[in-house]
Amino acid sequence: MATASLAFAACNNGNNKEAGSNDAGKADKDTTGQIAAADKKEIKTVTVTYTNVDPKVAASIKEIVDHYLHIKNALVSDNSQEAANGSKAMVAAMGKIDKSLFTADQKKVYDENEEDLKEHAEHIGKSKIDHQREHFAMMSEEVYALAKAFGGGQTLYHDHCPMYNDNKGAMWLSETVEIKNPYMGSKMPKCGKVQEKIQ
């Protein structure tokens, strides 16, 4: 309960900032820093499922995750064109993955996510920003599944925005513990909470 209220408080602080008060903006930064420090103790660590991944597969998954992070950072900055560029690069990276290097179990996990991930990337590559964010929310679930299975070549943070999609919420992955919300962009960049660390 306390955790939910912290996330909500962070999102409300973002609203204050949007209202345009310089003091509110300073309060937002201070409060968010305090919340982030308190939350670090509550972050659950997730260990990657497969540690015996072929190095070429690991490099391919890392490339997919890197393009995902490119899309995420573009949406944080409200940059629709950069999000499209990242998604096109992701589709190209997925086309180069050598599935023969997966074990049977690994291939099953990848195959379960590949088609949807590619579809979301293709939509992001040709859509306006609101539609890009809708597909990014679904894409994030697929990339999360891949990152939990194979890792992402770096520590990743599983974040959650409680307010996106009429308060239904949505998750995303980030390379930093600092909240930078791809769903709210410049309107509420600090809205959200770190839920897990994947390493």
C-alpha atoms as a PDB file:
ATOM      1  CA  MET A   1       0.000   0.000   0.000  1.00  0.00           C
ATOM      2  CA  ALA A   2       2.796   2.392   0.917  1.00  0.00           C
ATOM      3  CA  THR A   3       4.567   1.514  -2.317  1.00  0.00           C
ATOM      4  CA  ALA A   4       1.497   2.385  -4.395  1.00  0.00           C
ATOM      5  CA  SER A   5       1.114   5.707  -2.627  1.00  0.00           C
ATOM      6  CA  LEU A   6       4.790   6.523  -3.297  1.00  0.00           C
ATOM      7  CA  ALA A   7       4.284   5.889  -7.013  1.00  0.00           C
ATOM      8  CA  PHE A   8       1.105   7.966  -7.004  1.00  0.00           C
ATOM      9  CA  ALA A   9       2.906  10.760  -5.152  1.00  0.00           C
ATOM     10  CA  ALA A  10       5.640  10.746  -7.796  1.00  0.00           C
ATOM     11  CA  CYS A  11       3.021  11.044 -10.530  1.00  0.00           C
ATOM     12  CA  ASN A  12       1.223  13.847  -8.709  1.00  0.00           C
ATOM     13  CA  ASN A  13       4.512  15.714  -8.367  1.00  0.00           C
ATOM     14  CA  GLY A  14       4.819  15.469 -12.136  1.00  0.00           C
ATOM     15  CA  ASN A  15       1.437  17.197 -12.420  1.00  0.00           C
ATOM     16  CA  ASN A  16       2.649  20.029 -10.209  1.00  0.00           C
ATOM     17  CA  LYS A  17       5.614  20.486 -12.479  1.00  0.00           C
ATOM     18  CA  GLU A  18       3.353  20.602 -15.502  1.00  0.00           C
ATOM     19  CA  ALA A  19       1.369  23.402 -13.879  1.00  0.00           C
ATOM     20  CA  GLY A  20       4.423  25.597 -14.469  1.00  0.00           C
ATOM     21  CA  SER A  21       5.564  26.612 -10.999  1.00  0.00           C
ATOM     22  CA  ASN A  22       9.339  26.713 -10.627  1.00  0.00           C
ATOM     23  CA  ASP A  23       9.033  25.848  -6.944  1.00  0.00           C
ATOM     24  CA  ALA A  24       6.865  22.856  -7.802  1.00  0.00           C
ATOM     25  CA  GLY A  25       9.511  21.741 -10.297  1.00  0.00           C
ATOM     26  CA  LYS A  26      12.201  21.888  -7.585  1.00  0.00           C
ATOM     27  CA  ALA A  27       9.952  19.990  -5.175  1.00  0.00           C
ATOM     28  CA  ASP A  28       9.395  17.360  -7.848  1.00  0.00           C
ATOM     29  CA  LYS A  29      13.119  16.718  -8.218  1.00  0.00           C
ATOM     30  CA  ASP A  30      13.713  16.617  -4.457  1.00  0.00           C
ATOM     31  CA  THR A  31      10.770  14.341  -3.681  1.00  0.00           C
ATOM     32  CA  THR A  32      11.493  11.993  -6.566  1.00  0.00           C
ATOM     33  CA  GLY A  33      15.086  11.636  -5.367  1.00  0.00           C
ATOM     34  CA  GLN A  34      13.874  10.719  -1.872  1.00  0.00           C
ATOM     35  CA  ILE A  35      11.364   8.234  -3.276  1.00  0.00           C
ATOM     36  CA  ALA A  36      13.992   6.634  -5.515  1.00  0.00           C
ATOM     37  CA  ALA A  37      16.359   6.229  -2.560  1.00  0.00           C
ATOM     38  CA  ALA A  38      13.635   4.615  -0.440  1.00  0.00           C
ATOM     39  CA  ASP A  39      12.516   2.368  -3.281  1.00  0.00           C
ATOM     40  CA  LYS A  40      15.985   0.938  -3.996  1.00  0.00           C
ATOM     41  CA  LYS A  41      15.618  -1.241  -0.895  1.00  0.00           C
ATOM     42  CA  GLU A  42      12.283  -2.578  -2.183  1.00  0.00           C
ATOM     43  CA  ILE A  43      13.431  -3.468  -5.720  1.00  0.00           C
ATOM     44  CA  LYS A  44      13.192  -7.204  -6.345  1.00  0.00           C
ATOM     45  CA  THR A  45      16.147  -8.734  -8.223  1.00  0.00           C
ATOM     46  CA  VAL A  46      15.292 -11.143 -11.042  1.00  0.00           C
ATOM     47  CA  THR A  47      17.947 -13.610 -12.164  1.00  0.00           C
ATOM     48  CA  VAL A  48      18.045 -14.454 -15.867  1.00  0.00           C
ATOM     49  CA  THR A  49      16.672 -17.943 -16.663  1.00  0.00           C
ATOM     50  CA  TYR A  50      19.266 -19.082 -19.210  1.00  0.00           C
ATOM     51  CA  THR A  51      22.922 -18.679 -18.349  1.00  0.00           C
ATOM     52  CA  ASN A  52      24.133 -21.056 -21.086  1.00  0.00           C
ATOM     53  CA  VAL A  53      23.202 -18.831 -24.036  1.00  0.00           C
ATOM     54  CA  ASP A  54      25.358 -18.980 -27.153  1.00  0.00           C
ATOM     55  CA  PRO A  55      27.435 -15.757 -27.369  1.00  0.00           C
ATOM     56  CA  LYS A  56      26.000 -14.938 -30.815  1.00  0.00           C
ATOM     57  CA  VAL A  57      22.452 -15.329 -29.467  1.00  0.00           C
ATOM     58  CA  ALA A  58      23.320 -13.168 -26.446  1.00  0.00           C
ATOM     59  CA  ALA A  59      24.678 -10.480 -28.794  1.00  0.00           C
ATOM     60  CA  SER A  60      21.503 -10.637 -30.935  1.00  0.00           C
ATOM     61  CA  ILE A  61      19.215 -10.342 -27.905  1.00  0.00           C
ATOM     62  CA  LYS A  62      21.313  -7.423 -26.632  1.00  0.00           C
ATOM     63  CA  GLU A  63      20.892  -5.712 -30.005  1.00  0.00           C
ATOM     64  CA  ILE A  64      17.100  -6.128 -29.814  1.00  0.00           C
ATOM     65  CA  VAL A  65      17.094  -4.740 -26.263  1.00  0.00           C
ATOM     66  CA  ASP A  66      19.316  -1.826 -27.318  1.00  0.00           C
ATOM     67  CA  HIS A  67      16.847  -0.888 -30.069  1.00  0.00           C
ATOM     68  CA  TYR A  68      13.987  -1.219 -27.578  1.00  0.00           C
ATOM     69  CA  LEU A  69      15.805   1.238 -25.279  1.00  0.00           C
ATOM     70  CA  HIS A  70      16.289   3.550 -28.271  1.00  0.00           C
ATOM     71  CA  ILE A  71      12.502   3.533 -28.796  1.00  0.00           C
ATOM     72  CA  LYS A  72      11.888   4.049 -25.077  1.00  0.00           C
ATOM     73  CA  ASN A  73      14.223   7.038 -24.875  1.00  0.00           C
ATOM     74  CA  ALA A  74      12.670   8.567 -27.997  1.00  0.00           C
ATOM     75  CA  LEU A  75       9.203   8.304 -26.441  1.00  0.00           C
ATOM     76  CA  VAL A  76      10.504   9.836 -23.198  1.00  0.00           C
ATOM     77  CA  SER A  77      11.570  12.817 -25.360  1.00  0.00           C
ATOM     78  CA  ASP A  78       8.255  12.826 -27.310  1.00  0.00           C
ATOM     79  CA  ASN A  79      10.268  12.120 -30.483  1.00  0.00           C
ATOM     80  CA  SER A  80       8.067  10.069 -32.801  1.00  0.00           C
ATOM     81  CA  GLN A  81      10.606   9.947 -35.654  1.00  0.00           C
ATOM     82  CA  GLU A  82      13.389   8.565 -33.442  1.00  0.00           C
ATOM     83  CA  ALA A  83      10.971   5.954 -32.038  1.00  0.00           C
ATOM     84  CA  ALA A  84      10.225   4.918 -35.635  1.00  0.00           C
ATOM     85  CA  ASN A  85      13.952   4.713 -36.417  1.00  0.00           C
ATOM     86  CA  GLY A  86      14.560   2.507 -33.382  1.00  0.00           C
ATOM     87  CA  SER A  87      11.705   0.184 -34.282  1.00  0.00           C
ATOM     88  CA  LYS A  88      12.923  -0.244 -37.865  1.00  0.00           C
ATOM     89  CA  ALA A  89      16.387  -1.105 -36.539  1.00  0.00           C
ATOM     90  CA  MET A  90      14.796  -3.636 -34.175  1.00  0.00           C
ATOM     91  CA  VAL A  91      12.971  -5.378 -37.037  1.00  0.00           C
ATOM     92  CA  ALA A  92      16.263  -5.570 -38.961  1.00  0.00           C
ATOM     93  CA  ALA A  93      18.062  -7.015 -35.917  1.00  0.00           C
ATOM     94  CA  MET A  94      15.360  -9.648 -35.447  1.00  0.00           C
ATOM     95  CA  GLY A  95      15.791 -10.699 -39.073  1.00  0.00           C
ATOM     96  CA  LYS A  96      19.462 -11.503 -38.450  1.00  0.00           C
ATOM     97  CA  ILE A  97      19.065 -13.748 -35.377  1.00  0.00           C
ATOM     98  CA  ASP A  98      20.331 -17.311 -35.900  1.00  0.00           C
ATOM     99  CA  LYS A  99      17.656 -19.503 -34.327  1.00  0.00           C
ATOM    100  CA  SER A 100      19.737 -22.647 -34.865  1.00  0.00           C
ATOM    101  CA  LEU A 101      21.930 -21.523 -31.952  1.00  0.00           C
ATOM    102  CA  PHE A 102      19.080 -21.718 -29.401  1.00  0.00           C
ATOM    103  CA  THR A 103      18.483 -24.808 -27.290  1.00  0.00           C
ATOM    104  CA  ALA A 104      14.970 -26.251 -27.714  1.00  0.00           C
ATOM    105  CA  ASP A 105      13.708 -24.500 -24.553  1.00  0.00           C
ATOM    106  CA  GLN A 106      15.336 -21.208 -25.496  1.00  0.00           C
ATOM    107  CA  LYS A 107      13.890 -21.340 -29.005  1.00  0.00           C
ATOM    108  CA  LYS A 108      10.411 -21.917 -27.579  1.00  0.00           C
ATOM    109  CA  VAL A 109      10.662 -18.762 -25.434  1.00  0.00           C
ATOM    110  CA  TYR A 110      11.985 -16.707 -28.341  1.00  0.00           C
ATOM    111  CA  ASP A 111       9.358 -18.021 -30.772  1.00  0.00           C
ATOM    112  CA  GLU A 112       6.552 -17.247 -28.290  1.00  0.00           C
ATOM    113  CA  ASN A 113       7.519 -13.556 -28.394  1.00  0.00           C
ATOM    114  CA  GLU A 114       9.020 -13.003 -31.842  1.00  0.00           C
ATOM    115  CA  GLU A 115       5.903 -12.505 -33.976  1.00  0.00           C
ATOM    116  CA  ASP A 116       4.161 -10.056 -31.631  1.00  0.00           C
ATOM    117  CA  LEU A 117       7.385  -8.152 -31.001  1.00  0.00           C
ATOM    118  CA  LYS A 118       7.951  -7.725 -34.722  1.00  0.00           C
ATOM    119  CA  GLU A 119       4.338  -6.619 -35.256  1.00  0.00           C
ATOM    120  CA  HIS A 120       4.597  -3.954 -32.535  1.00  0.00           C
ATOM    121  CA  ALA A 121       7.910  -2.715 -33.937  1.00  0.00           C
ATOM    122  CA  GLU A 122       6.419  -2.440 -37.428  1.00  0.00           C
ATOM    123  CA  HIS A 123       3.459  -0.429 -36.083  1.00  0.00           C
ATOM    124  CA  ILE A 124       5.773   1.908 -34.162  1.00  0.00           C
ATOM    125  CA  GLY A 125       7.764   2.399 -37.373  1.00  0.00           C
ATOM    126  CA  LYS A 126       4.806   3.938 -39.199  1.00  0.00           C
ATOM    127  CA  SER A 127       2.533   5.491 -36.547  1.00  0.00           C
ATOM    128  CA  LYS A 128       1.965   8.758 -34.722  1.00  0.00           C
ATOM    129  CA  ILE A 129       3.194   9.032 -31.151  1.00  0.00           C
ATOM    130  CA  ASP A 130      -0.027   8.079 -29.308  1.00  0.00           C
ATOM    131  CA  HIS A 131      -0.313   4.887 -31.352  1.00  0.00           C
ATOM    132  CA  GLN A 132       3.418   4.281 -30.919  1.00  0.00           C
ATOM    133  CA  ARG A 133       2.945   4.383 -27.159  1.00  0.00           C
ATOM    134  CA  GLU A 134       0.070   1.875 -27.356  1.00  0.00           C
ATOM    135  CA  HIS A 135       2.276  -0.580 -29.236  1.00  0.00           C
ATOM    136  CA  PHE A 136       5.248   0.191 -26.996  1.00  0.00           C
ATOM    137  CA  ALA A 137       3.187  -0.928 -23.981  1.00  0.00           C
ATOM    138  CA  MET A 138       2.579  -4.305 -25.655  1.00  0.00           C
ATOM    139  CA  MET A 139       6.150  -4.494 -26.997  1.00  0.00           C
ATOM    140  CA  SER A 140       7.447  -3.969 -23.461  1.00  0.00           C
ATOM    141  CA  GLU A 141       5.785  -7.211 -22.327  1.00  0.00           C
ATOM    142  CA  GLU A 142       7.549  -9.153 -25.099  1.00  0.00           C
ATOM    143  CA  VAL A 143      10.958  -7.572 -24.434  1.00  0.00           C
ATOM    144  CA  TYR A 144      10.478  -8.169 -20.699  1.00  0.00           C
ATOM    145  CA  ALA A 145       9.940 -11.883 -21.395  1.00  0.00           C
ATOM    146  CA  LEU A 146      13.111 -12.012 -23.534  1.00  0.00           C
ATOM    147  CA  ALA A 147      15.158 -10.063 -20.980  1.00  0.00           C
ATOM    148  CA  LYS A 148      14.060 -12.360 -18.142  1.00  0.00           C
ATOM    149  CA  ALA A 149      14.970 -15.399 -20.214  1.00  0.00           C
ATOM    150  CA  PHE A 150      18.217 -14.266 -21.870  1.00  0.00           C
ATOM    151  CA  GLY A 151      19.280 -11.025 -20.208  1.00  0.00           C
ATOM    152  CA  GLY A 152      19.859  -7.813 -22.098  1.00  0.00           C
ATOM    153  CA  GLY A 153      23.624  -7.489 -21.970  1.00  0.00           C
ATOM    154  CA  GLN A 154      23.296  -5.055 -19.055  1.00  0.00           C
ATOM    155  CA  THR A 155      21.299  -4.493 -15.874  1.00  0.00           C
ATOM    156  CA  LEU A 156      17.701  -3.572 -16.726  1.00  0.00           C
ATOM    157  CA  TYR A 157      15.017  -2.053 -14.529  1.00  0.00           C
ATOM    158  CA  HIS A 158      11.377  -3.090 -14.830  1.00  0.00           C
ATOM    159  CA  ASP A 159       9.344   0.085 -14.241  1.00  0.00           C
ATOM    160  CA  HIS A 160       5.613   0.665 -13.927  1.00  0.00           C
ATOM    161  CA  CYS A 161       3.460   3.696 -14.718  1.00  0.00           C
ATOM    162  CA  PRO A 162       0.155   3.491 -12.813  1.00  0.00           C
ATOM    163  CA  MET A 163      -1.572   6.258 -14.776  1.00  0.00           C
ATOM    164  CA  TYR A 164      -1.145   5.264 -18.426  1.00  0.00           C
ATOM    165  CA  ASN A 165      -4.171   3.970 -20.356  1.00  0.00           C
ATOM    166  CA  ASP A 166      -6.845   5.512 -18.101  1.00  0.00           C
ATOM    167  CA  ASN A 167      -5.103   4.345 -14.918  1.00  0.00           C
ATOM    168  CA  LYS A 168      -4.852   0.724 -16.112  1.00  0.00           C
ATOM    169  CA  GLY A 169      -1.084   1.197 -16.051  1.00  0.00           C
ATOM    170  CA  ALA A 170       1.749  -0.156 -18.157  1.00  0.00           C
ATOM    171  CA  MET A 171       5.295  -1.390 -17.657  1.00  0.00           C
ATOM    172  CA  TRP A 172       8.546  -0.682 -19.457  1.00  0.00           C
ATOM    173  CA  LEU A 173      12.226  -1.566 -19.190  1.00  0.00           C
ATOM    174  CA  SER A 174      14.961   0.968 -18.575  1.00  0.00           C
ATOM    175  CA  GLU A 175      18.752   0.946 -18.471  1.00  0.00           C
ATOM    176  CA  THR A 176      18.721   3.415 -15.543  1.00  0.00           C
ATOM    177  CA  VAL A 177      17.186   3.277 -12.076  1.00  0.00           C
ATOM    178  CA  GLU A 178      15.978   6.869 -12.573  1.00  0.00           C
ATOM    179  CA  ILE A 179      12.370   7.030 -13.770  1.00  0.00           C
ATOM    180  CA  LYS A 180      11.977   8.488 -17.264  1.00  0.00           C
ATOM    181  CA  ASN A 181       8.426   7.719 -18.353  1.00  0.00           C
ATOM    182  CA  PRO A 182       7.942   6.869 -22.062  1.00  0.00           C
ATOM    183  CA  TYR A 183       4.139   6.936 -21.779  1.00  0.00           C
ATOM    184  CA  MET A 184       3.818  10.413 -20.287  1.00  0.00           C
ATOM    185  CA  GLY A 185       6.896  11.947 -21.919  1.00  0.00           C
ATOM    186  CA  SER A 186       7.494  15.592 -21.075  1.00  0.00           C
ATOM    187  CA  LYS A 187       4.070  15.898 -19.404  1.00  0.00           C
ATOM    188  CA  MET A 188       4.998  13.668 -16.442  1.00  0.00           C
ATOM    189  CA  PRO A 189       8.526  12.328 -16.933  1.00  0.00           C
ATOM    190  CA  LYS A 190       8.968  11.149 -13.328  1.00  0.00           C
ATOM    191  CA  CYS A 191       5.698   9.215 -13.081  1.00  0.00           C
ATOM    192  CA  GLY A 192       6.299   5.599 -12.122  1.00  0.00           C
ATOM    193  CA  LYS A 193       8.147   3.196  -9.886  1.00  0.00           C
ATOM    194  CA  VAL A 194      10.941   0.653 -10.283  1.00  0.00           C
ATOM    195  CA  GLN A 195       9.566  -2.824  -9.539  1.00  0.00           C
ATOM    196  CA  GLU A 196      12.410  -5.171 -10.458  1.00  0.00           C
ATOM    197  CA  LYS A 197      16.049  -5.280 -11.440  1.00  0.00           C
ATOM    198  CA  ILE A 198      16.983  -7.886 -14.076  1.00  0.00           C
ATOM    199  CA  GLN A 199      20.588  -9.050 -14.097  1.00  0.00           C
END
